[in-house]
Protein backbone atom coordinates (compact mmCIF):
# COMPACT_ATOMS: atom_id res chain seq x y z
CA MET A 1 -138.16 109.73 87.62
CA GLY A 2 -138.48 109.45 91.41
CA PHE A 3 -136.06 110.36 93.18
CA THR A 4 -136.32 112.58 96.24
CA PRO A 5 -134.78 115.91 96.33
CA SER A 6 -132.35 114.32 99.51
CA GLU A 7 -131.11 111.42 97.44
CA ILE A 8 -130.78 113.71 94.12
CA ASP A 9 -128.02 116.03 96.39
CA LYS A 10 -126.46 112.64 97.55
CA MET A 11 -125.28 111.64 93.86
CA SER A 12 -122.40 112.92 91.62
CA LEU A 13 -123.64 114.54 88.49
CA TRP A 14 -122.32 111.59 86.81
CA GLU A 15 -124.73 109.52 88.80
CA PHE A 16 -127.38 111.64 88.02
CA MET A 17 -126.57 111.37 84.13
CA ALA A 18 -126.68 107.94 84.07
CA CYS A 19 -129.94 107.88 85.82
CA ARG A 20 -131.47 110.47 83.64
CA ASP A 21 -130.09 108.37 80.28
CA GLY A 22 -132.06 105.17 81.78
CA TRP A 23 -134.84 106.61 82.40
CA ASN A 24 -134.90 108.06 78.74
CA ALA A 25 -134.05 104.92 77.28
CA ALA A 26 -136.38 102.66 79.21
CA HIS A 27 -139.45 105.40 78.62
CA GLY A 28 -138.50 106.05 74.92
CA SER A 29 -136.95 109.42 74.52
CA GLU A 30 -137.71 111.95 71.90
CA LYS A 31 -134.24 111.55 70.51
CA ASP A 32 -135.17 107.83 70.30
CA ARG A 33 -138.32 108.58 67.81
CA ILE A 34 -136.50 110.68 65.47
CA GLU A 35 -133.91 107.95 65.13
CA ALA A 36 -136.55 105.44 64.37
CA GLN A 37 -138.29 107.20 61.80
CA GLU A 38 -135.09 107.77 59.51
CA PHE A 39 -135.17 104.20 58.29
CA SER A 40 -136.89 104.22 55.04
CA ASP A 41 -138.93 100.91 53.87
CA GLU A 42 -136.12 99.77 51.52
CA SER A 43 -133.85 99.55 55.04
CA LEU A 44 -136.47 97.95 56.90
CA ARG A 45 -136.91 95.41 54.06
CA GLU A 46 -133.30 94.48 54.33
CA ILE A 47 -133.05 93.88 57.97
CA GLY A 48 -135.98 91.48 57.63
CA ILE A 49 -139.09 93.65 58.72
CA GLU A 50 -141.71 93.71 56.52
CA GLY A 51 -145.44 94.02 56.54
CA PHE A 52 -145.46 97.83 57.14
């Protein structure tokens, strides 16, 4: 994430976890990829996504 050890020491646990969640959201965590695979072709068509 790019923090130095001293920067992490100054953070609360809440701040660090919020940074981690934001970093994962910005960089595509494994959880995001798994959820994206749960869409069926039919459900994608229903929301207007075509051409797959």
